């Protein structure tokens, strides 16, 4: 079964995730006199609602019996890409080289871009996000990496590709929380952002896709949304493996615990 079929069968929630809220961009006048972002605005109790709060993310990301591991990763990667791309599109008008001269995350975290030759460069947030979306779109459309035709196989390095894509998407999510959460809240899309973050976090906790140093910038939000407690029940060891890369994987788990090696097109 190709991952396109898996998406259609298993991922009903992405198709209606945004159906209840029209996608309109925030009005520029709503931003007059305001800074680039409100520190930790996303931690305010009134804004901690999560779309579809009854959805158990642990069940959503748990690999079903008999389903190929790479198929499962491909399905979730595509869903996350669509959600992050849609959400950023609603606030992209306010993410400019002037307002977001650096690609930042919470707590002053700054992300640098690495090109195909491994050259590190500092770029403005909109340029960084454009690089992320262009790279991801090109990657998921590549039949040799994300096969959709019968009998085509996933490449041996597929998991490392997914790690890179998820890492870059996490950077975009982190930037939206750090610099554009106010606009998303005014558009009443903050609950959708929380759900996307919860999905990404659950996937990482289940399969140890991100290093601990990457996700620590939003650890306080995990706690506020009560994601850490749920993740700790099923994926506590995964966090340790992601942080140090030295944990032993369960025999029945497809999770691989080898350290993540920094690759071109990833961020420092």
C-alpha atoms as a PDB file:
ATOM      1  CA  UNK A   1       0.000   0.000   0.000  1.00  0.00           C
ATOM      2  CA  UNK A   2       1.446   3.410  -0.933  1.00  0.00           C
ATOM      3  CA  UNK A   3       1.467   6.255   1.555  1.00  0.00           C
ATOM      4  CA  UNK A   4      -1.146   8.166  -0.461  1.00  0.00           C
ATOM      5  CA  UNK A   5      -3.643   5.386   0.258  1.00  0.00           C
ATOM      6  CA  UNK A   6      -2.655   5.369   3.932  1.00  0.00           C
ATOM      7  CA  UNK A   7      -3.352   9.088   4.097  1.00  0.00           C
ATOM      8  CA  UNK A   8      -6.817   8.665   2.673  1.00  0.00           C
ATOM      9  CA  UNK A   9      -7.734   5.812   4.984  1.00  0.00           C
ATOM     10  CA  UNK A  10      -6.113   6.817   8.257  1.00  0.00           C
ATOM     11  CA  UNK A  11      -5.937  10.604   8.278  1.00  0.00           C
ATOM     12  CA  UNK A  12      -9.492  11.809   8.297  1.00  0.00           C
ATOM     13  CA  UNK A  13      -8.757  14.630  10.719  1.00  0.00           C
ATOM     14  CA  UNK A  14      -6.382  16.624   8.468  1.00  0.00           C
ATOM     15  CA  UNK A  15      -9.137  17.037   5.874  1.00  0.00           C
ATOM     16  CA  UNK A  16     -11.494  18.753   8.309  1.00  0.00           C
ATOM     17  CA  UNK A  17      -8.966  20.266  10.673  1.00  0.00           C
ATOM     18  CA  UNK A  18      -9.423  23.773   9.317  1.00  0.00           C
ATOM     19  CA  UNK A  19     -12.915  23.476   7.858  1.00  0.00           C
ATOM     20  CA  UNK A  20     -14.571  25.229  10.791  1.00  0.00           C
ATOM     21  CA  UNK A  21     -12.458  28.382  10.517  1.00  0.00           C
ATOM     22  CA  UNK A  22     -12.179  30.436   7.322  1.00  0.00           C
ATOM     23  CA  UNK A  23      -8.607  31.191   6.330  1.00  0.00           C
ATOM     24  CA  UNK A  24      -8.330  34.925   6.164  1.00  0.00           C
ATOM     25  CA  UNK A  25      -5.212  36.891   6.897  1.00  0.00           C
ATOM     26  CA  UNK A  26      -5.025  39.141   9.908  1.00  0.00           C
ATOM     27  CA  UNK A  27      -5.629  42.790   9.151  1.00  0.00           C
ATOM     28  CA  UNK A  28      -2.513  44.895   9.109  1.00  0.00           C
ATOM     29  CA  UNK A  29      -4.118  47.589  11.268  1.00  0.00           C
ATOM     30  CA  UNK A  30      -4.465  45.037  14.058  1.00  0.00           C
ATOM     31  CA  UNK A  31      -0.688  44.996  14.215  1.00  0.00           C
ATOM     32  CA  UNK A  32      -0.120  48.752  14.418  1.00  0.00           C
ATOM     33  CA  UNK A  33       1.839  49.721  17.475  1.00  0.00           C
ATOM     34  CA  UNK A  34       2.569  46.124  18.465  1.00  0.00           C
ATOM     35  CA  UNK A  35       5.869  44.342  18.730  1.00  0.00           C
ATOM     36  CA  UNK A  36       7.003  41.360  16.724  1.00  0.00           C
ATOM     37  CA  UNK A  37       5.530  39.001  19.308  1.00  0.00           C
ATOM     38  CA  UNK A  38       4.362  38.643  22.890  1.00  0.00           C
ATOM     39  CA  UNK A  39       6.727  36.672  25.122  1.00  0.00           C
ATOM     40  CA  UNK A  40       5.002  33.452  26.134  1.00  0.00           C
ATOM     41  CA  UNK A  41       1.566  34.721  25.117  1.00  0.00           C
ATOM     42  CA  UNK A  42       0.842  31.134  24.103  1.00  0.00           C
ATOM     43  CA  UNK A  43       1.147  30.049  27.752  1.00  0.00           C
ATOM     44  CA  UNK A  44      -1.796  32.154  28.914  1.00  0.00           C
ATOM     45  CA  UNK A  45      -4.483  29.843  30.243  1.00  0.00           C
ATOM     46  CA  UNK A  46      -7.224  31.403  28.128  1.00  0.00           C
ATOM     47  CA  UNK A  47      -5.275  30.544  24.966  1.00  0.00           C
ATOM     48  CA  UNK A  48      -4.342  26.968  25.798  1.00  0.00           C
ATOM     49  CA  UNK A  49      -7.368  25.417  24.120  1.00  0.00           C
ATOM     50  CA  UNK A  50      -6.547  22.721  21.619  1.00  0.00           C
ATOM     51  CA  UNK A  51      -8.700  21.856  18.613  1.00  0.00           C
ATOM     52  CA  UNK A  52     -10.142  18.357  19.023  1.00  0.00           C
ATOM     53  CA  UNK A  53      -8.922  18.112  22.646  1.00  0.00           C
ATOM     54  CA  UNK A  54     -10.409  14.634  23.031  1.00  0.00           C
ATOM     55  CA  UNK A  55      -8.110  13.288  20.320  1.00  0.00           C
ATOM     56  CA  UNK A  56      -5.525  10.947  21.841  1.00  0.00           C
ATOM     57  CA  UNK A  57      -2.335  11.730  19.971  1.00  0.00           C
ATOM     58  CA  UNK A  58      -0.641   8.630  21.305  1.00  0.00           C
ATOM     59  CA  UNK A  59      -3.164   6.484  19.468  1.00  0.00           C
ATOM     60  CA  UNK A  60      -2.918   8.669  16.378  1.00  0.00           C
ATOM     61  CA  UNK A  61       0.817   8.134  15.992  1.00  0.00           C
ATOM     62  CA  UNK A  62       1.115   4.558  17.242  1.00  0.00           C
ATOM     63  CA  UNK A  63       2.132   2.241  14.410  1.00  0.00           C
ATOM     64  CA  UNK A  64      -0.751  -0.119  13.534  1.00  0.00           C
ATOM     65  CA  UNK A  65      -0.007  -3.808  13.338  1.00  0.00           C
ATOM     66  CA  UNK A  66       0.960  -4.900   9.864  1.00  0.00           C
ATOM     67  CA  UNK A  67       1.611  -1.407   8.514  1.00  0.00           C
ATOM     68  CA  UNK A  68       5.022  -0.549   7.117  1.00  0.00           C
ATOM     69  CA  UNK A  69       7.051   1.802   9.326  1.00  0.00           C
ATOM     70  CA  UNK A  70       8.156   4.011   6.428  1.00  0.00           C
ATOM     71  CA  UNK A  71       4.578   4.243   5.129  1.00  0.00           C
ATOM     72  CA  UNK A  72       3.495   5.447   8.532  1.00  0.00           C
ATOM     73  CA  UNK A  73       6.241   8.059   8.784  1.00  0.00           C
ATOM     74  CA  UNK A  74       5.473   9.280   5.264  1.00  0.00           C
ATOM     75  CA  UNK A  75       1.777   9.725   6.070  1.00  0.00           C
ATOM     76  CA  UNK A  76       2.429  11.766   9.199  1.00  0.00           C
ATOM     77  CA  UNK A  77       5.145  13.833   7.532  1.00  0.00           C
ATOM     78  CA  UNK A  78       2.794  14.820   4.711  1.00  0.00           C
ATOM     79  CA  UNK A  79       0.015  15.719   7.140  1.00  0.00           C
ATOM     80  CA  UNK A  80       2.324  17.871   9.264  1.00  0.00           C
ATOM     81  CA  UNK A  81       3.708  19.617   6.202  1.00  0.00           C
ATOM     82  CA  UNK A  82       0.211  20.521   5.010  1.00  0.00           C
ATOM     83  CA  UNK A  83      -0.836  21.854   8.414  1.00  0.00           C
ATOM     84  CA  UNK A  84       2.283  23.911   9.070  1.00  0.00           C
ATOM     85  CA  UNK A  85       2.200  25.348   5.558  1.00  0.00           C
ATOM     86  CA  UNK A  86      -1.468  26.343   5.892  1.00  0.00           C
ATOM     87  CA  UNK A  87      -1.021  27.936   9.305  1.00  0.00           C
ATOM     88  CA  UNK A  88       2.044  29.919   8.316  1.00  0.00           C
ATOM     89  CA  UNK A  89       0.235  31.120   5.205  1.00  0.00           C
ATOM     90  CA  UNK A  90      -2.335  32.915   7.350  1.00  0.00           C
ATOM     91  CA  UNK A  91       0.318  35.097   9.005  1.00  0.00           C
ATOM     92  CA  UNK A  92       2.936  35.281   6.264  1.00  0.00           C
ATOM     93  CA  UNK A  93       1.888  38.864   5.513  1.00  0.00           C
ATOM     94  CA  UNK A  94       3.388  39.884   8.840  1.00  0.00           C
ATOM     95  CA  UNK A  95       6.518  37.786   8.590  1.00  0.00           C
ATOM     96  CA  UNK A  96       8.773  40.096   6.620  1.00  0.00           C
ATOM     97  CA  UNK A  97      12.484  40.839   6.472  1.00  0.00           C
ATOM     98  CA  UNK A  98      11.737  44.005   8.446  1.00  0.00           C
ATOM     99  CA  UNK A  99       9.615  42.471  11.220  1.00  0.00           C
ATOM    100  CA  UNK A 100      11.450  39.134  11.374  1.00  0.00           C
ATOM    101  CA  UNK A 101      15.059  39.844  10.421  1.00  0.00           C
ATOM    102  CA  UNK A 102      16.109  36.540  12.026  1.00  0.00           C
ATOM    103  CA  UNK A 103      14.521  33.102  12.099  1.00  0.00           C
ATOM    104  CA  UNK A 104      13.793  32.943  15.799  1.00  0.00           C
ATOM    105  CA  UNK A 105      12.076  30.622  18.215  1.00  0.00           C
ATOM    106  CA  UNK A 106      11.034  31.076  21.848  1.00  0.00           C
ATOM    107  CA  UNK A 107      13.643  32.098  24.384  1.00  0.00           C
ATOM    108  CA  UNK A 108      15.797  33.897  21.841  1.00  0.00           C
ATOM    109  CA  UNK A 109      16.621  30.727  19.881  1.00  0.00           C
ATOM    110  CA  UNK A 110      17.914  31.585  16.405  1.00  0.00           C
ATOM    111  CA  UNK A 111      17.993  29.142  13.511  1.00  0.00           C
ATOM    112  CA  UNK A 112      20.588  29.323  10.745  1.00  0.00           C
ATOM    113  CA  UNK A 113      20.181  27.777   7.308  1.00  0.00           C
ATOM    114  CA  UNK A 114      22.525  25.275   5.679  1.00  0.00           C
ATOM    115  CA  UNK A 115      22.496  25.073   1.904  1.00  0.00           C
ATOM    116  CA  UNK A 116      23.114  21.961  -0.189  1.00  0.00           C
ATOM    117  CA  UNK A 117      26.870  22.405   0.194  1.00  0.00           C
ATOM    118  CA  UNK A 118      26.617  22.684   3.950  1.00  0.00           C
ATOM    119  CA  UNK A 119      27.287  26.420   3.990  1.00  0.00           C
ATOM    120  CA  UNK A 120      25.740  28.118   7.002  1.00  0.00           C
ATOM    121  CA  UNK A 121      23.983  31.426   6.511  1.00  0.00           C
ATOM    122  CA  UNK A 122      21.816  33.786   8.491  1.00  0.00           C
ATOM    123  CA  UNK A 123      18.597  34.612   6.677  1.00  0.00           C
ATOM    124  CA  UNK A 124      15.413  36.450   7.567  1.00  0.00           C
ATOM    125  CA  UNK A 125      12.490  34.344   8.778  1.00  0.00           C
ATOM    126  CA  UNK A 126      10.398  34.574   5.581  1.00  0.00           C
ATOM    127  CA  UNK A 127      13.378  33.444   3.506  1.00  0.00           C
ATOM    128  CA  UNK A 128      14.062  30.590   5.922  1.00  0.00           C
ATOM    129  CA  UNK A 129      10.446  29.427   5.822  1.00  0.00           C
ATOM    130  CA  UNK A 130      10.464  29.638   2.030  1.00  0.00           C
ATOM    131  CA  UNK A 131      13.565  27.421   1.984  1.00  0.00           C
ATOM    132  CA  UNK A 132      11.844  24.954   4.317  1.00  0.00           C
ATOM    133  CA  UNK A 133       8.640  24.750   2.299  1.00  0.00           C
ATOM    134  CA  UNK A 134      10.444  24.572  -1.034  1.00  0.00           C
ATOM    135  CA  UNK A 135      12.767  21.847   0.182  1.00  0.00           C
ATOM    136  CA  UNK A 136       9.945  19.857   1.765  1.00  0.00           C
ATOM    137  CA  UNK A 137       7.678  20.157  -1.274  1.00  0.00           C
ATOM    138  CA  UNK A 138      10.481  19.030  -3.550  1.00  0.00           C
ATOM    139  CA  UNK A 139      11.289  16.139  -1.229  1.00  0.00           C
ATOM    140  CA  UNK A 140       7.745  14.775  -0.864  1.00  0.00           C
ATOM    141  CA  UNK A 141       7.225  15.055  -4.623  1.00  0.00           C
ATOM    142  CA  UNK A 142      10.349  13.031  -5.339  1.00  0.00           C
ATOM    143  CA  UNK A 143       9.235   9.528  -6.299  1.00  0.00           C
ATOM    144  CA  UNK A 144      12.615   8.092  -5.298  1.00  0.00           C
ATOM    145  CA  UNK A 145      12.144   9.356  -1.722  1.00  0.00           C
ATOM    146  CA  UNK A 146       8.361   9.335  -1.184  1.00  0.00           C
ATOM    147  CA  UNK A 147       7.218   6.560  -3.537  1.00  0.00           C
ATOM    148  CA  UNK A 148       3.566   6.495  -4.540  1.00  0.00           C
ATOM    149  CA  UNK A 149       3.626   3.918  -7.338  1.00  0.00           C
ATOM    150  CA  UNK A 150       3.145   0.237  -6.741  1.00  0.00           C
ATOM    151  CA  UNK A 151       6.330  -1.779  -6.119  1.00  0.00           C
ATOM    152  CA  UNK A 152       8.482   1.324  -5.595  1.00  0.00           C
ATOM    153  CA  UNK A 153      10.514   1.089  -2.413  1.00  0.00           C
ATOM    154  CA  UNK A 154      11.468   3.664   0.183  1.00  0.00           C
ATOM    155  CA  UNK A 155      15.192   4.505   0.168  1.00  0.00           C
ATOM    156  CA  UNK A 156      17.440   3.186   2.910  1.00  0.00           C
ATOM    157  CA  UNK A 157      17.968   6.731   4.242  1.00  0.00           C
ATOM    158  CA  UNK A 158      14.241   7.531   4.381  1.00  0.00           C
ATOM    159  CA  UNK A 159      14.109   7.937   8.157  1.00  0.00           C
ATOM    160  CA  UNK A 160      16.955  10.454   8.083  1.00  0.00           C
ATOM    161  CA  UNK A 161      15.053  12.443   5.449  1.00  0.00           C
ATOM    162  CA  UNK A 162      11.958  12.437   7.673  1.00  0.00           C
ATOM    163  CA  UNK A 163      14.051  13.566  10.638  1.00  0.00           C
ATOM    164  CA  UNK A 164      15.328  16.509   8.633  1.00  0.00           C
ATOM    165  CA  UNK A 165      11.878  17.514   7.381  1.00  0.00           C
ATOM    166  CA  UNK A 166      10.290  17.237  10.835  1.00  0.00           C
ATOM    167  CA  UNK A 167      13.128  19.242  12.327  1.00  0.00           C
ATOM    168  CA  UNK A 168      12.649  22.055   9.829  1.00  0.00           C
ATOM    169  CA  UNK A 169       8.871  22.047  10.298  1.00  0.00           C
ATOM    170  CA  UNK A 170       9.411  22.268  14.048  1.00  0.00           C
ATOM    171  CA  UNK A 171      11.484  25.400  13.476  1.00  0.00           C
ATOM    172  CA  UNK A 172       8.585  26.985  11.578  1.00  0.00           C
ATOM    173  CA  UNK A 173       6.166  26.045  14.372  1.00  0.00           C
ATOM    174  CA  UNK A 174       8.561  27.487  16.951  1.00  0.00           C
ATOM    175  CA  UNK A 175       8.766  30.741  14.984  1.00  0.00           C
ATOM    176  CA  UNK A 176       4.986  31.040  14.798  1.00  0.00           C
ATOM    177  CA  UNK A 177       4.788  30.669  18.572  1.00  0.00           C
ATOM    178  CA  UNK A 178       7.590  33.165  19.171  1.00  0.00           C
ATOM    179  CA  UNK A 179       6.671  35.870  16.653  1.00  0.00           C
ATOM    180  CA  UNK A 180       3.151  35.366  15.305  1.00  0.00           C
ATOM    181  CA  UNK A 181       1.016  33.800  17.995  1.00  0.00           C
ATOM    182  CA  UNK A 182      -0.928  37.036  18.523  1.00  0.00           C
ATOM    183  CA  UNK A 183      -2.092  37.065  14.901  1.00  0.00           C
ATOM    184  CA  UNK A 184      -3.048  33.417  15.062  1.00  0.00           C
ATOM    185  CA  UNK A 185      -5.005  34.045  18.266  1.00  0.00           C
ATOM    186  CA  UNK A 186      -6.820  37.008  16.680  1.00  0.00           C
ATOM    187  CA  UNK A 187      -7.737  34.731  13.768  1.00  0.00           C
ATOM    188  CA  UNK A 188      -8.871  32.118  16.293  1.00  0.00           C
ATOM    189  CA  UNK A 189      -6.410  29.654  14.799  1.00  0.00           C
ATOM    190  CA  UNK A 190      -4.284  29.205  17.913  1.00  0.00           C
ATOM    191  CA  UNK A 191      -6.127  25.992  18.829  1.00  0.00           C
ATOM    192  CA  UNK A 192      -5.206  24.575  15.427  1.00  0.00           C
ATOM    193  CA  UNK A 193      -1.570  25.506  16.003  1.00  0.00           C
ATOM    194  CA  UNK A 194      -1.691  23.747  19.374  1.00  0.00           C
ATOM    195  CA  UNK A 195      -3.125  20.641  17.732  1.00  0.00           C
ATOM    196  CA  UNK A 196      -0.403  20.647  15.086  1.00  0.00           C
ATOM    197  CA  UNK A 197       2.223  21.061  17.796  1.00  0.00           C
ATOM    198  CA  UNK A 198       0.651  18.211  19.771  1.00  0.00           C
ATOM    199  CA  UNK A 199       0.733  16.002  16.675  1.00  0.00           C
ATOM    200  CA  UNK A 200       4.374  16.811  15.991  1.00  0.00           C
ATOM    201  CA  UNK A 201       5.311  16.285  19.637  1.00  0.00           C
ATOM    202  CA  UNK A 202       3.550  12.912  19.842  1.00  0.00           C
ATOM    203  CA  UNK A 203       5.234  11.724  16.654  1.00  0.00           C
ATOM    204  CA  UNK A 204       8.626  12.769  17.985  1.00  0.00           C
ATOM    205  CA  UNK A 205       8.039  11.127  21.353  1.00  0.00           C
ATOM    206  CA  UNK A 206       6.932   7.881  19.730  1.00  0.00           C
ATOM    207  CA  UNK A 207       9.758   7.570  17.196  1.00  0.00           C
ATOM    208  CA  UNK A 208      12.504   9.823  18.656  1.00  0.00           C
ATOM    209  CA  UNK A 209      12.781  11.977  15.547  1.00  0.00           C
ATOM    210  CA  UNK A 210      14.171  15.138  17.167  1.00  0.00           C
ATOM    211  CA  UNK A 211      17.010  15.840  19.543  1.00  0.00           C
ATOM    212  CA  UNK A 212      16.156  17.109  22.998  1.00  0.00           C
ATOM    213  CA  UNK A 213      18.017  20.370  22.375  1.00  0.00           C
ATOM    214  CA  UNK A 214      15.642  21.106  19.482  1.00  0.00           C
ATOM    215  CA  UNK A 215      12.401  20.662  21.385  1.00  0.00           C
ATOM    216  CA  UNK A 216      13.388  22.213  24.721  1.00  0.00           C
ATOM    217  CA  UNK A 217      12.381  25.700  23.516  1.00  0.00           C
ATOM    218  CA  UNK A 218       8.721  24.650  23.715  1.00  0.00           C
ATOM    219  CA  UNK A 219       8.982  22.316  26.689  1.00  0.00           C
ATOM    220  CA  UNK A 220       6.956  24.710  28.828  1.00  0.00           C
ATOM    221  CA  UNK A 221       4.137  24.570  26.282  1.00  0.00           C
ATOM    222  CA  UNK A 222       4.217  20.763  26.360  1.00  0.00           C
ATOM    223  CA  UNK A 223       3.627  20.947  30.094  1.00  0.00           C
ATOM    224  CA  UNK A 224       0.934  23.611  29.788  1.00  0.00           C
ATOM    225  CA  UNK A 225      -0.931  21.557  27.177  1.00  0.00           C
ATOM    226  CA  UNK A 226      -0.400  18.426  29.285  1.00  0.00           C
ATOM    227  CA  UNK A 227       1.462  16.712  26.480  1.00  0.00           C
ATOM    228  CA  UNK A 228       4.504  15.767  28.515  1.00  0.00           C
ATOM    229  CA  UNK A 229       2.567  13.636  30.989  1.00  0.00           C
ATOM    230  CA  UNK A 230       0.871  11.659  28.214  1.00  0.00           C
ATOM    231  CA  UNK A 231       4.127  11.320  26.325  1.00  0.00           C
ATOM    232  CA  UNK A 232       5.940  10.176  29.437  1.00  0.00           C
ATOM    233  CA  UNK A 233       3.621   7.199  29.816  1.00  0.00           C
ATOM    234  CA  UNK A 234       4.387   5.830  26.359  1.00  0.00           C
ATOM    235  CA  UNK A 235       7.472   7.616  25.130  1.00  0.00           C
ATOM    236  CA  UNK A 236       9.589   8.690  28.091  1.00  0.00           C
ATOM    237  CA  UNK A 237      12.412   6.476  26.919  1.00  0.00           C
ATOM    238  CA  UNK A 238      12.098   8.036  23.498  1.00  0.00           C
ATOM    239  CA  UNK A 239      12.961  11.446  24.896  1.00  0.00           C
ATOM    240  CA  UNK A 240      16.046  10.054  26.552  1.00  0.00           C
ATOM    241  CA  UNK A 241      17.062   8.405  23.298  1.00  0.00           C
ATOM    242  CA  UNK A 242      16.507  11.607  21.381  1.00  0.00           C
ATOM    243  CA  UNK A 243      18.568  13.575  23.865  1.00  0.00           C
ATOM    244  CA  UNK A 244      21.543  11.281  24.079  1.00  0.00           C
ATOM    245  CA  UNK A 245      21.152   8.737  21.305  1.00  0.00           C
ATOM    246  CA  UNK A 246      22.412   6.026  23.639  1.00  0.00           C
ATOM    247  CA  UNK A 247      19.183   4.318  24.711  1.00  0.00           C
ATOM    248  CA  UNK A 248      18.305   0.770  23.787  1.00  0.00           C
ATOM    249  CA  UNK A 249      15.292   0.434  21.508  1.00  0.00           C
ATOM    250  CA  UNK A 250      12.561  -2.041  22.349  1.00  0.00           C
ATOM    251  CA  UNK A 251      12.669  -5.139  20.179  1.00  0.00           C
ATOM    252  CA  UNK A 252       9.073  -4.590  19.094  1.00  0.00           C
ATOM    253  CA  UNK A 253       9.526  -0.934  18.298  1.00  0.00           C
ATOM    254  CA  UNK A 254      10.533   0.410  14.867  1.00  0.00           C
ATOM    255  CA  UNK A 255      12.161   3.388  16.569  1.00  0.00           C
ATOM    256  CA  UNK A 256      15.843   3.742  15.816  1.00  0.00           C
ATOM    257  CA  UNK A 257      18.040   5.348  18.440  1.00  0.00           C
ATOM    258  CA  UNK A 258      21.183   6.199  16.491  1.00  0.00           C
ATOM    259  CA  UNK A 259      22.385   9.797  16.982  1.00  0.00           C
ATOM    260  CA  UNK A 260      21.150  12.359  14.496  1.00  0.00           C
ATOM    261  CA  UNK A 261      23.993  13.641  12.323  1.00  0.00           C
ATOM    262  CA  UNK A 262      23.722  17.228  11.151  1.00  0.00           C
ATOM    263  CA  UNK A 263      23.101  17.278   7.419  1.00  0.00           C
ATOM    264  CA  UNK A 264      23.031  19.998   4.779  1.00  0.00           C
ATOM    265  CA  UNK A 265      19.619  21.658   4.527  1.00  0.00           C
ATOM    266  CA  UNK A 266      19.203  21.357   8.267  1.00  0.00           C
ATOM    267  CA  UNK A 267      19.527  24.124  10.823  1.00  0.00           C
ATOM    268  CA  UNK A 268      22.034  24.720  13.556  1.00  0.00           C
END
